[in-house]
Amino acid sequence: MNTQPRMLKQKDLRRLMKVRLLNKTQEKAAIKIQAAWRRWAWIRYQEQRALEQEQYEDYNFGCDCGDWLCTGCGEGPPIPCVMCGADCRGSDYEKWSLCSRRCMVRECRD
């Protein structure tokens, strides 16, 4: 068995170097194309997001109470319950910032 490394001919060596160079060039080109595509996709995403935000701001959903389905109550921002965080506006317990008797009992116990 011959253990000597095989010597390449000059022609084979050139062909091998050419293939390696071509592969490296293709890899670099692919990386550049992917980076350009990512930049383009990110810019497009930002444009769409800005357009959606602009369209959302054009709609006047209700008033400033925070309820999207509000028809314009004009009552102002919601009053969060000190116990559970639910909206207390319009309840009997509005002045205590509690939404229900259950939350009032819990507040008194604590």
PDB file of N, CA and C in Angstrom:
ATOM      1  N   MET A   1       0.837  -1.167   0.000  1.00  0.00           N
ATOM      2  CA  MET A   1       0.000   0.000   0.000  1.00  0.00           C
ATOM      3  C   MET A   1       0.887   1.236   0.000  1.00  0.00           C
ATOM      4  N   ASN A   2       0.545   2.164  -0.804  1.00  0.00           N
ATOM      5  CA  ASN A   2       1.314   3.378  -0.952  1.00  0.00           C
ATOM      6  C   ASN A   2       0.799   4.427   0.042  1.00  0.00           C
ATOM      7  N   THR A   3       1.643   4.847   0.979  1.00  0.00           N
ATOM      8  CA  THR A   3       1.252   5.836   1.980  1.00  0.00           C
ATOM      9  C   THR A   3       1.736   7.231   1.618  1.00  0.00           C
ATOM     10  N   GLN A   4       2.361   7.369   0.520  1.00  0.00           N
ATOM     11  CA  GLN A   4       2.850   8.671   0.078  1.00  0.00           C
ATOM     12  C   GLN A   4       1.664   9.556  -0.319  1.00  0.00           C
ATOM     13  N   PRO A   5       1.677  10.841   0.066  1.00  0.00           N
ATOM     14  CA  PRO A   5       0.598  11.733  -0.388  1.00  0.00           C
ATOM     15  C   PRO A   5       0.661  11.893  -1.898  1.00  0.00           C
ATOM     16  N   ARG A   6      -0.485  11.929  -2.478  1.00  0.00           N
ATOM     17  CA  ARG A   6      -0.551  12.044  -3.921  1.00  0.00           C
ATOM     18  C   ARG A   6      -0.255  13.480  -4.319  1.00  0.00           C
ATOM     19  N   MET A   7       0.601  13.660  -5.224  1.00  0.00           N
ATOM     20  CA  MET A   7       0.953  14.987  -5.713  1.00  0.00           C
ATOM     21  C   MET A   7      -0.035  15.355  -6.812  1.00  0.00           C
ATOM     22  N   LEU A   8      -0.605  16.523  -6.690  1.00  0.00           N
ATOM     23  CA  LEU A   8      -1.537  16.981  -7.707  1.00  0.00           C
ATOM     24  C   LEU A   8      -0.790  17.614  -8.859  1.00  0.00           C
ATOM     25  N   LYS A   9      -1.357  17.458 -10.006  1.00  0.00           N
ATOM     26  CA  LYS A   9      -0.785  18.126 -11.163  1.00  0.00           C
ATOM     27  C   LYS A   9      -1.148  19.600 -11.072  1.00  0.00           C
ATOM     28  N   GLN A  10      -0.436  20.409 -11.766  1.00  0.00           N
ATOM     29  CA  GLN A  10      -0.663  21.849 -11.745  1.00  0.00           C
ATOM     30  C   GLN A  10      -2.090  22.183 -12.190  1.00  0.00           C
ATOM     31  N   LYS A  11      -2.569  21.495 -13.178  1.00  0.00           N
ATOM     32  CA  LYS A  11      -3.913  21.719 -13.694  1.00  0.00           C
ATOM     33  C   LYS A  11      -4.967  21.390 -12.637  1.00  0.00           C
ATOM     34  N   ASP A  12      -4.797  20.259 -11.962  1.00  0.00           N
ATOM     35  CA  ASP A  12      -5.730  19.864 -10.905  1.00  0.00           C
ATOM     36  C   ASP A  12      -5.676  20.830  -9.726  1.00  0.00           C
ATOM     37  N   LEU A  13      -4.501  21.291  -9.400  1.00  0.00           N
ATOM     38  CA  LEU A  13      -4.321  22.239  -8.308  1.00  0.00           C
ATOM     39  C   LEU A  13      -5.035  23.564  -8.620  1.00  0.00           C
ATOM     40  N   ARG A  14      -4.904  24.054  -9.820  1.00  0.00           N
ATOM     41  CA  ARG A  14      -5.579  25.293 -10.225  1.00  0.00           C
ATOM     42  C   ARG A  14      -7.108  25.127 -10.155  1.00  0.00           C
ATOM     43  N   ARG A  15      -7.575  23.990 -10.654  1.00  0.00           N
ATOM     44  CA  ARG A  15      -9.007  23.728 -10.640  1.00  0.00           C
ATOM     45  C   ARG A  15      -9.529  23.694  -9.194  1.00  0.00           C
ATOM     46  N   LEU A  16      -8.805  23.044  -8.305  1.00  0.00           N
ATOM     47  CA  LEU A  16      -9.189  22.968  -6.900  1.00  0.00           C
ATOM     48  C   LEU A  16      -9.224  24.352  -6.255  1.00  0.00           C
ATOM     49  N   MET A  17      -8.208  25.159  -6.517  1.00  0.00           N
ATOM     50  CA  MET A  17      -8.158  26.515  -5.968  1.00  0.00           C
ATOM     51  C   MET A  17      -9.300  27.369  -6.525  1.00  0.00           C
ATOM     52  N   LYS A  18      -9.608  27.185  -7.788  1.00  0.00           N
ATOM     53  CA  LYS A  18     -10.690  27.933  -8.426  1.00  0.00           C
ATOM     54  C   LYS A  18     -12.037  27.580  -7.777  1.00  0.00           C
ATOM     55  N   VAL A  19     -12.265  26.295  -7.517  1.00  0.00           N
ATOM     56  CA  VAL A  19     -13.500  25.847  -6.886  1.00  0.00           C
ATOM     57  C   VAL A  19     -13.614  26.403  -5.473  1.00  0.00           C
ATOM     58  N   ARG A  20     -12.521  26.358  -4.718  1.00  0.00           N
ATOM     59  CA  ARG A  20     -12.524  26.895  -3.355  1.00  0.00           C
ATOM     60  C   ARG A  20     -12.809  28.393  -3.356  1.00  0.00           C
ATOM     61  N   LEU A  21     -12.189  29.108  -4.257  1.00  0.00           N
ATOM     62  CA  LEU A  21     -12.396  30.545  -4.361  1.00  0.00           C
ATOM     63  C   LEU A  21     -13.849  30.849  -4.746  1.00  0.00           C
ATOM     64  N   LEU A  22     -14.379  30.072  -5.669  1.00  0.00           N
ATOM     65  CA  LEU A  22     -15.758  30.257  -6.099  1.00  0.00           C
ATOM     66  C   LEU A  22     -16.723  29.994  -4.945  1.00  0.00           C
ATOM     67  N   ASN A  23     -16.457  28.937  -4.172  1.00  0.00           N
ATOM     68  CA  ASN A  23     -17.310  28.627  -3.027  1.00  0.00           C
ATOM     69  C   ASN A  23     -17.287  29.750  -1.989  1.00  0.00           C
ATOM     70  N   LYS A  24     -16.095  30.275  -1.693  1.00  0.00           N
ATOM     71  CA  LYS A  24     -15.983  31.373  -0.732  1.00  0.00           C
ATOM     72  C   LYS A  24     -16.711  32.610  -1.241  1.00  0.00           C
ATOM     73  N   THR A  25     -16.580  32.896  -2.508  1.00  0.00           N
ATOM     74  CA  THR A  25     -17.243  34.051  -3.107  1.00  0.00           C
ATOM     75  C   THR A  25     -18.748  33.897  -3.037  1.00  0.00           C
ATOM     76  N   GLN A  26     -19.239  32.692  -3.322  1.00  0.00           N
ATOM     77  CA  GLN A  26     -20.675  32.438  -3.255  1.00  0.00           C
ATOM     78  C   GLN A  26     -21.189  32.567  -1.823  1.00  0.00           C
ATOM     79  N   GLU A  27     -20.418  32.087  -0.859  1.00  0.00           N
ATOM     80  CA  GLU A  27     -20.819  32.193   0.542  1.00  0.00           C
ATOM     81  C   GLU A  27     -20.904  33.659   0.964  1.00  0.00           C
ATOM     82  N   LYS A  28     -19.905  34.450   0.587  1.00  0.00           N
ATOM     83  CA  LYS A  28     -19.914  35.868   0.928  1.00  0.00           C
ATOM     84  C   LYS A  28     -21.083  36.587   0.261  1.00  0.00           C
ATOM     85  N   ALA A  29     -21.341  36.242  -0.983  1.00  0.00           N
ATOM     86  CA  ALA A  29     -22.466  36.850  -1.691  1.00  0.00           C
ATOM     87  C   ALA A  29     -23.787  36.473  -1.028  1.00  0.00           C
ATOM     88  N   ALA A  30     -23.907  35.221  -0.632  1.00  0.00           N
ATOM     89  CA  ALA A  30     -25.133  34.777   0.032  1.00  0.00           C
ATOM     90  C   ALA A  30     -25.333  35.511   1.353  1.00  0.00           C
ATOM     91  N   ILE A  31     -24.269  35.706   2.102  1.00  0.00           N
ATOM     92  CA  ILE A  31     -24.348  36.429   3.374  1.00  0.00           C
ATOM     93  C   ILE A  31     -24.778  37.873   3.136  1.00  0.00           C
ATOM     94  N   LYS A  32     -24.220  38.497   2.116  1.00  0.00           N
ATOM     95  CA  LYS A  32     -24.588  39.881   1.804  1.00  0.00           C
ATOM     96  C   LYS A  32     -26.044  39.979   1.364  1.00  0.00           C
ATOM     97  N   ILE A  33     -26.485  39.019   0.563  1.00  0.00           N
ATOM     98  CA  ILE A  33     -27.875  39.025   0.112  1.00  0.00           C
ATOM     99  C   ILE A  33     -28.819  38.826   1.296  1.00  0.00           C
ATOM    100  N   GLN A  34     -28.477  37.910   2.203  1.00  0.00           N
ATOM    101  CA  GLN A  34     -29.311  37.681   3.376  1.00  0.00           C
ATOM    102  C   GLN A  34     -29.373  38.922   4.257  1.00  0.00           C
ATOM    103  N   ALA A  35     -28.245  39.595   4.438  1.00  0.00           N
ATOM    104  CA  ALA A  35     -28.222  40.809   5.246  1.00  0.00           C
ATOM    105  C   ALA A  35     -29.067  41.903   4.599  1.00  0.00           C
ATOM    106  N   ALA A  36     -28.965  42.047   3.293  1.00  0.00           N
ATOM    107  CA  ALA A  36     -29.772  43.051   2.588  1.00  0.00           C
ATOM    108  C   ALA A  36     -31.253  42.714   2.703  1.00  0.00           C
ATOM    109  N   TRP A  37     -31.597  41.448   2.573  1.00  0.00           N
ATOM    110  CA  TRP A  37     -32.983  41.026   2.690  1.00  0.00           C
ATOM    111  C   TRP A  37     -33.524  41.310   4.089  1.00  0.00           C
ATOM    112  N   ARG A  38     -32.722  41.025   5.109  1.00  0.00           N
ATOM    113  CA  ARG A  38     -33.156  41.303   6.486  1.00  0.00           C
ATOM    114  C   ARG A  38     -33.382  42.796   6.700  1.00  0.00           C
ATOM    115  N   ARG A  39     -32.459  43.627   6.170  1.00  0.00           N
ATOM    116  CA  ARG A  39     -32.638  45.080   6.290  1.00  0.00           C
ATOM    117  C   ARG A  39     -33.916  45.523   5.597  1.00  0.00           C
ATOM    118  N   TRP A  40     -34.150  45.019   4.386  1.00  0.00           N
ATOM    119  CA  TRP A  40     -35.346  45.394   3.641  1.00  0.00           C
ATOM    120  C   TRP A  40     -36.604  44.955   4.396  1.00  0.00           C
ATOM    121  N   ALA A  41     -36.595  43.717   4.915  1.00  0.00           N
ATOM    122  CA  ALA A  41     -37.755  43.199   5.644  1.00  0.00           C
ATOM    123  C   ALA A  41     -38.009  44.025   6.904  1.00  0.00           C
ATOM    124  N   TRP A  42     -36.941  44.427   7.602  1.00  0.00           N
ATOM    125  CA  TRP A  42     -37.094  45.233   8.819  1.00  0.00           C
ATOM    126  C   TRP A  42     -37.675  46.613   8.476  1.00  0.00           C
ATOM    127  N   ILE A  43     -37.190  47.216   7.405  1.00  0.00           N
ATOM    128  CA  ILE A  43     -37.701  48.524   6.988  1.00  0.00           C
ATOM    129  C   ILE A  43     -39.170  48.407   6.600  1.00  0.00           C
ATOM    130  N   ARG A  44     -39.511  47.361   5.863  1.00  0.00           N
ATOM    131  CA  ARG A  44     -40.900  47.141   5.460  1.00  0.00           C
ATOM    132  C   ARG A  44     -41.791  46.930   6.685  1.00  0.00           C
ATOM    133  N   TYR A  45     -41.301  46.179   7.665  1.00  0.00           N
ATOM    134  CA  TYR A  45     -42.058  45.953   8.901  1.00  0.00           C
ATOM    135  C   TYR A  45     -42.292  47.272   9.629  1.00  0.00           C
ATOM    136  N   GLN A  46     -41.259  48.101   9.711  1.00  0.00           N
ATOM    137  CA  GLN A  46     -41.395  49.400  10.380  1.00  0.00           C
ATOM    138  C   GLN A  46     -42.401  50.290   9.650  1.00  0.00           C
ATOM    139  N   GLU A  47     -42.370  50.277   8.311  1.00  0.00           N
ATOM    140  CA  GLU A  47     -43.314  51.074   7.546  1.00  0.00           C
ATOM    141  C   GLU A  47     -44.752  50.608   7.789  1.00  0.00           C
ATOM    142  N   GLN A  48     -44.959  49.290   7.783  1.00  0.00           N
ATOM    143  CA  GLN A  48     -46.296  48.759   8.024  1.00  0.00           C
ATOM    144  C   GLN A  48     -46.768  49.093   9.434  1.00  0.00           C
ATOM    145  N   ARG A  49     -45.858  48.988  10.380  1.00  0.00           N
ATOM    146  CA  ARG A  49     -46.213  49.309  11.765  1.00  0.00           C
ATOM    147  C   ARG A  49     -46.591  50.777  11.912  1.00  0.00           C
ATOM    148  N   ALA A  50     -45.830  51.666  11.260  1.00  0.00           N
ATOM    149  CA  ALA A  50     -46.149  53.092  11.308  1.00  0.00           C
ATOM    150  C   ALA A  50     -47.494  53.361  10.641  1.00  0.00           C
ATOM    151  N   LEU A  51     -47.776  52.679   9.539  1.00  0.00           N
ATOM    152  CA  LEU A  51     -49.050  52.853   8.849  1.00  0.00           C
ATOM    153  C   LEU A  51     -50.208  52.376   9.721  1.00  0.00           C
ATOM    154  N   GLU A  52     -50.046  51.218  10.368  1.00  0.00           N
ATOM    155  CA  GLU A  52     -51.089  50.715  11.254  1.00  0.00           C
ATOM    156  C   GLU A  52     -51.311  51.653  12.430  1.00  0.00           C
ATOM    157  N   GLN A  53     -50.222  52.186  12.974  1.00  0.00           N
ATOM    158  CA  GLN A  53     -50.334  53.122  14.086  1.00  0.00           C
ATOM    159  C   GLN A  53     -51.072  54.384  13.649  1.00  0.00           C
ATOM    160  N   GLU A  54     -50.756  54.863  12.459  1.00  0.00           N
ATOM    161  CA  GLU A  54     -51.414  56.051  11.930  1.00  0.00           C
ATOM    162  C   GLU A  54     -52.907  55.787  11.712  1.00  0.00           C
ATOM    163  N   GLN A  55     -53.234  54.617  11.174  1.00  0.00           N
ATOM    164  CA  GLN A  55     -54.634  54.270  10.970  1.00  0.00           C
ATOM    165  C   GLN A  55     -55.357  54.133  12.304  1.00  0.00           C
ATOM    166  N   TYR A  56     -54.668  53.563  13.287  1.00  0.00           N
ATOM    167  CA  TYR A  56     -55.275  53.396  14.610  1.00  0.00           C
ATOM    168  C   TYR A  56     -55.551  54.757  15.236  1.00  0.00           C
ATOM    169  N   GLU A  57     -54.627  55.699  15.070  1.00  0.00           N
ATOM    170  CA  GLU A  57     -54.812  57.023  15.644  1.00  0.00           C
ATOM    171  C   GLU A  57     -55.924  57.779  14.937  1.00  0.00           C
ATOM    172  N   ASP A  58     -56.195  57.445  13.670  1.00  0.00           N
ATOM    173  CA  ASP A  58     -57.273  58.104  12.940  1.00  0.00           C
ATOM    174  C   ASP A  58     -58.648  57.704  13.470  1.00  0.00           C
ATOM    175  N   TYR A  59     -58.753  56.467  13.984  1.00  0.00           N
ATOM    176  CA  TYR A  59     -60.029  56.030  14.536  1.00  0.00           C
ATOM    177  C   TYR A  59     -60.209  56.657  15.906  1.00  0.00           C
ATOM    178  N   ASN A  60     -61.395  57.118  16.174  1.00  0.00           N
ATOM    179  CA  ASN A  60     -61.702  57.681  17.484  1.00  0.00           C
ATOM    180  C   ASN A  60     -62.597  56.693  18.215  1.00  0.00           C
ATOM    181  N   PHE A  61     -61.970  55.716  18.843  1.00  0.00           N
ATOM    182  CA  PHE A  61     -62.733  54.751  19.616  1.00  0.00           C
ATOM    183  C   PHE A  61     -63.143  55.411  20.914  1.00  0.00           C
ATOM    184  N   GLY A  62     -64.403  55.732  21.031  1.00  0.00           N
ATOM    185  CA  GLY A  62     -64.938  56.238  22.280  1.00  0.00           C
ATOM    186  C   GLY A  62     -64.244  57.487  22.772  1.00  0.00           C
ATOM    187  N   CYS A  63     -64.021  57.535  24.053  1.00  0.00           N
ATOM    188  CA  CYS A  63     -63.383  58.701  24.665  1.00  0.00           C
ATOM    189  C   CYS A  63     -62.064  58.285  25.298  1.00  0.00           C
ATOM    190  N   ASP A  64     -61.590  59.061  26.235  1.00  0.00           N
ATOM    191  CA  ASP A  64     -60.312  58.766  26.882  1.00  0.00           C
ATOM    192  C   ASP A  64     -60.470  57.927  28.140  1.00  0.00           C
ATOM    193  N   CYS A  65     -61.570  57.206  28.261  1.00  0.00           N
ATOM    194  CA  CYS A  65     -61.791  56.415  29.479  1.00  0.00           C
ATOM    195  C   CYS A  65     -60.995  55.121  29.465  1.00  0.00           C
ATOM    196  N   GLY A  66     -60.461  54.730  28.319  1.00  0.00           N
ATOM    197  CA  GLY A  66     -59.669  53.511  28.248  1.00  0.00           C
ATOM    198  C   GLY A  66     -60.431  52.323  27.703  1.00  0.00           C
ATOM    199  N   ASP A  67     -61.738  52.443  27.573  1.00  0.00           N
ATOM    200  CA  ASP A  67     -62.555  51.358  27.032  1.00  0.00           C
ATOM    201  C   ASP A  67     -62.638  51.517  25.518  1.00  0.00           C
ATOM    202  N   TRP A  68     -62.168  50.520  24.770  1.00  0.00           N
ATOM    203  CA  TRP A  68     -62.141  50.617  23.311  1.00  0.00           C
ATOM    204  C   TRP A  68     -63.533  50.648  22.716  1.00  0.00           C
ATOM    205  N   LEU A  69     -64.477  50.014  23.371  1.00  0.00           N
ATOM    206  CA  LEU A  69     -65.829  49.938  22.838  1.00  0.00           C
ATOM    207  C   LEU A  69     -66.731  51.042  23.383  1.00  0.00           C
ATOM    208  N   CYS A  70     -66.179  51.979  24.081  1.00  0.00           N
ATOM    209  CA  CYS A  70     -66.950  53.072  24.664  1.00  0.00           C
ATOM    210  C   CYS A  70     -67.521  53.944  23.550  1.00  0.00           C
ATOM    211  N   THR A  71     -68.768  54.387  23.739  1.00  0.00           N
ATOM    212  CA  THR A  71     -69.407  55.237  22.741  1.00  0.00           C
ATOM    213  C   THR A  71     -69.233  56.708  23.050  1.00  0.00           C
ATOM    214  N   GLY A  72     -68.431  57.031  24.026  1.00  0.00           N
ATOM    215  CA  GLY A  72     -68.177  58.429  24.360  1.00  0.00           C
ATOM    216  C   GLY A  72     -68.823  58.830  25.658  1.00  0.00           C
ATOM    217  N   CYS A  73     -68.500  58.165  26.740  1.00  0.00           N
ATOM    218  CA  CYS A  73     -69.142  58.435  28.025  1.00  0.00           C
ATOM    219  C   CYS A  73     -68.636  59.728  28.651  1.00  0.00           C
ATOM    220  N   GLY A  74     -67.400  60.106  28.402  1.00  0.00           N
ATOM    221  CA  GLY A  74     -66.854  61.339  28.960  1.00  0.00           C
ATOM    222  C   GLY A  74     -66.599  61.268  30.448  1.00  0.00           C
ATOM    223  N   GLU A  75     -66.535  60.063  30.992  1.00  0.00           N
ATOM    224  CA  GLU A  75     -66.331  59.920  32.437  1.00  0.00           C
ATOM    225  C   GLU A  75     -64.874  59.988  32.847  1.00  0.00           C
ATOM    226  N   GLY A  76     -64.003  59.998  31.918  1.00  0.00           N
ATOM    227  CA  GLY A  76     -62.588  60.060  32.249  1.00  0.00           C
ATOM    228  C   GLY A  76     -61.965  58.687  32.340  1.00  0.00           C
ATOM    229  N   PRO A  77     -60.732  58.610  32.848  1.00  0.00           N
ATOM    230  CA  PRO A  77     -60.022  57.328  32.900  1.00  0.00           C
ATOM    231  C   PRO A  77     -60.661  56.371  33.901  1.00  0.00           C
ATOM    232  N   PRO A  78     -60.455  55.067  33.725  1.00  0.00           N
ATOM    233  CA  PRO A  78     -61.031  54.088  34.654  1.00  0.00           C
ATOM    234  C   PRO A  78     -60.419  54.219  36.039  1.00  0.00           C
ATOM    235  N   ILE A  79     -61.178  53.813  37.034  1.00  0.00           N
ATOM    236  CA  ILE A  79     -60.716  53.834  38.417  1.00  0.00           C
ATOM    237  C   ILE A  79     -60.374  52.398  38.784  1.00  0.00           C
ATOM    238  N   PRO A  80     -59.083  52.045  38.940  1.00  0.00           N
ATOM    239  CA  PRO A  80     -58.744  50.658  39.238  1.00  0.00           C
ATOM    240  C   PRO A  80     -59.033  50.311  40.700  1.00  0.00           C
ATOM    241  N   CYS A  81     -59.534  49.113  40.888  1.00  0.00           N
ATOM    242  CA  CYS A  81     -59.792  48.609  42.237  1.00  0.00           C
ATOM    243  C   CYS A  81     -58.462  48.398  42.945  1.00  0.00           C
ATOM    244  N   VAL A  82     -58.395  48.782  44.222  1.00  0.00           N
ATOM    245  CA  VAL A  82     -57.136  48.642  44.960  1.00  0.00           C
ATOM    246  C   VAL A  82     -56.811  47.188  45.266  1.00  0.00           C
ATOM    247  N   MET A  83     -57.799  46.287  45.179  1.00  0.00           N
ATOM    248  CA  MET A  83     -57.555  44.884  45.480  1.00  0.00           C
ATOM    249  C   MET A  83     -57.299  44.054  44.226  1.00  0.00           C
ATOM    250  N   CYS A  84     -58.228  44.124  43.253  1.00  0.00           N
ATOM    251  CA  CYS A  84     -58.104  43.233  42.095  1.00  0.00           C
ATOM    252  C   CYS A  84     -57.713  43.963  40.813  1.00  0.00           C
ATOM    253  N   GLY A  85     -57.797  45.282  40.784  1.00  0.00           N
ATOM    254  CA  GLY A  85     -57.409  46.044  39.608  1.00  0.00           C
ATOM    255  C   GLY A  85     -58.513  46.232  38.589  1.00  0.00           C
ATOM    256  N   ALA A  86     -59.714  45.715  38.861  1.00  0.00           N
ATOM    257  CA  ALA A  86     -60.831  45.880  37.927  1.00  0.00           C
ATOM    258  C   ALA A  86     -61.295  47.333  37.917  1.00  0.00           C
ATOM    259  N   ASP A  87     -62.075  47.690  36.916  1.00  0.00           N
ATOM    260  CA  ASP A  87     -62.572  49.055  36.788  1.00  0.00           C
ATOM    261  C   ASP A  87     -63.720  49.277  37.767  1.00  0.00           C
ATOM    262  N   CYS A  88     -63.601  50.261  38.657  1.00  0.00           N
ATOM    263  CA  CYS A  88     -64.621  50.560  39.663  1.00  0.00           C
ATOM    264  C   CYS A  88     -65.613  51.604  39.185  1.00  0.00           C
ATOM    265  N   ARG A  89     -65.359  52.193  38.053  1.00  0.00           N
ATOM    266  CA  ARG A  89     -66.195  53.302  37.595  1.00  0.00           C
ATOM    267  C   ARG A  89     -67.647  52.841  37.439  1.00  0.00           C
ATOM    268  N   GLY A  90     -68.558  53.607  38.001  1.00  0.00           N
ATOM    269  CA  GLY A  90     -69.978  53.300  37.897  1.00  0.00           C
ATOM    270  C   GLY A  90     -70.487  52.369  38.973  1.00  0.00           C
ATOM    271  N   SER A  91     -69.652  51.920  39.892  1.00  0.00           N
ATOM    272  CA  SER A  91     -70.122  51.020  40.944  1.00  0.00           C
ATOM    273  C   SER A  91     -70.467  51.828  42.204  1.00  0.00           C
ATOM    274  N   ASP A  92     -71.117  51.160  43.156  1.00  0.00           N
ATOM    275  CA  ASP A  92     -71.473  51.809  44.420  1.00  0.00           C
ATOM    276  C   ASP A  92     -70.239  52.102  45.261  1.00  0.00           C
ATOM    277  N   TYR A  93     -69.157  51.417  44.978  1.00  0.00           N
ATOM    278  CA  TYR A  93     -67.958  51.521  45.805  1.00  0.00           C
ATOM    279  C   TYR A  93     -66.890  52.400  45.157  1.00  0.00           C
ATOM    280  N   GLU A  94     -67.311  53.254  44.246  1.00  0.00           N
ATOM    281  CA  GLU A  94     -66.362  54.068  43.468  1.00  0.00           C
ATOM    282  C   GLU A  94     -65.527  54.973  44.368  1.00  0.00           C
ATOM    283  N   LYS A  95     -66.139  55.555  45.405  1.00  0.00           N
ATOM    284  CA  LYS A  95     -65.387  56.489  46.255  1.00  0.00           C
ATOM    285  C   LYS A  95     -64.318  55.786  47.091  1.00  0.00           C
ATOM    286  N   TRP A  96     -64.444  54.464  47.299  1.00  0.00           N
ATOM    287  CA  TRP A  96     -63.422  53.719  48.044  1.00  0.00           C
ATOM    288  C   TRP A  96     -62.422  53.023  47.135  1.00  0.00           C
ATOM    289  N   SER A  97     -62.614  53.119  45.827  1.00  0.00           N
ATOM    290  CA  SER A  97     -61.767  52.442  44.830  1.00  0.00           C
ATOM    291  C   SER A  97     -61.803  50.928  44.993  1.00  0.00           C
ATOM    292  N   LEU A  98     -62.992  50.429  45.283  1.00  0.00           N
ATOM    293  CA  LEU A  98     -63.209  48.987  45.388  1.00  0.00           C
ATOM    294  C   LEU A  98     -64.357  48.630  44.451  1.00  0.00           C
ATOM    295  N   CYS A  99     -64.221  47.531  43.716  1.00  0.00           N
ATOM    296  CA  CYS A  99     -65.202  47.208  42.689  1.00  0.00           C
ATOM    297  C   CYS A  99     -66.367  46.363  43.189  1.00  0.00           C
ATOM    298  N   SER A 100     -66.198  45.676  44.336  1.00  0.00           N
ATOM    299  CA  SER A 100     -67.269  44.799  44.823  1.00  0.00           C
ATOM    300  C   SER A 100     -67.170  44.660  46.333  1.00  0.00           C
ATOM    301  N   ARG A 101     -68.201  44.079  46.905  1.00  0.00           N
ATOM    302  CA  ARG A 101     -68.187  43.846  48.364  1.00  0.00           C
ATOM    303  C   ARG A 101     -67.093  42.860  48.746  1.00  0.00           C
ATOM    304  N   ARG A 102     -66.862  41.884  47.865  1.00  0.00           N
ATOM    305  CA  ARG A 102     -65.813  40.895  48.146  1.00  0.00           C
ATOM    306  C   ARG A 102     -64.460  41.583  48.310  1.00  0.00           C
ATOM    307  N   CYS A 103     -64.140  42.521  47.409  1.00  0.00           N
ATOM    308  CA  CYS A 103     -62.871  43.242  47.529  1.00  0.00           C
ATOM    309  C   CYS A 103     -62.856  44.127  48.763  1.00  0.00           C
ATOM    310  N   MET A 104     -64.038  44.665  49.138  1.00  0.00           N
ATOM    311  CA  MET A 104     -64.099  45.505  50.339  1.00  0.00           C
ATOM    312  C   MET A 104     -63.825  44.672  51.574  1.00  0.00           C
ATOM    313  N   VAL A 105     -64.377  43.457  51.624  1.00  0.00           N
ATOM    314  CA  VAL A 105     -64.156  42.573  52.779  1.00  0.00           C
ATOM    315  C   VAL A 105     -62.686  42.194  52.850  1.00  0.00           C
ATOM    316  N   ARG A 106     -62.088  41.881  51.701  1.00  0.00           N
ATOM    317  CA  ARG A 106     -60.658  41.537  51.693  1.00  0.00           C
ATOM    318  C   ARG A 106     -59.810  42.713  52.148  1.00  0.00           C
ATOM    319  N   GLU A 107     -60.196  43.929  51.747  1.00  0.00           N
ATOM    320  CA  GLU A 107     -59.447  45.129  52.131  1.00  0.00           C
ATOM    321  C   GLU A 107     -59.528  45.342  53.635  1.00  0.00           C
ATOM    322  N   CYS A 108     -60.727  45.096  54.208  1.00  0.00           N
ATOM    323  CA  CYS A 108     -60.902  45.275  55.645  1.00  0.00           C
ATOM    324  C   CYS A 108     -60.126  44.216  56.433  1.00  0.00           C
ATOM    325  N   ARG A 109     -60.072  42.981  55.910  1.00  0.00           N
ATOM    326  CA  ARG A 109     -59.331  41.924  56.600  1.00  0.00           C
ATOM    327  C   ARG A 109     -57.834  42.198  56.608  1.00  0.00           C
ATOM    328  N   ASP A 110     -57.340  42.733  55.509  1.00  0.00           N
ATOM    329  CA  ASP A 110     -55.901  42.969  55.397  1.00  0.00           C
ATOM    330  C   ASP A 110     -55.566  44.231  56.113  1.00  0.00           C
TER     331      ASP A 110
END
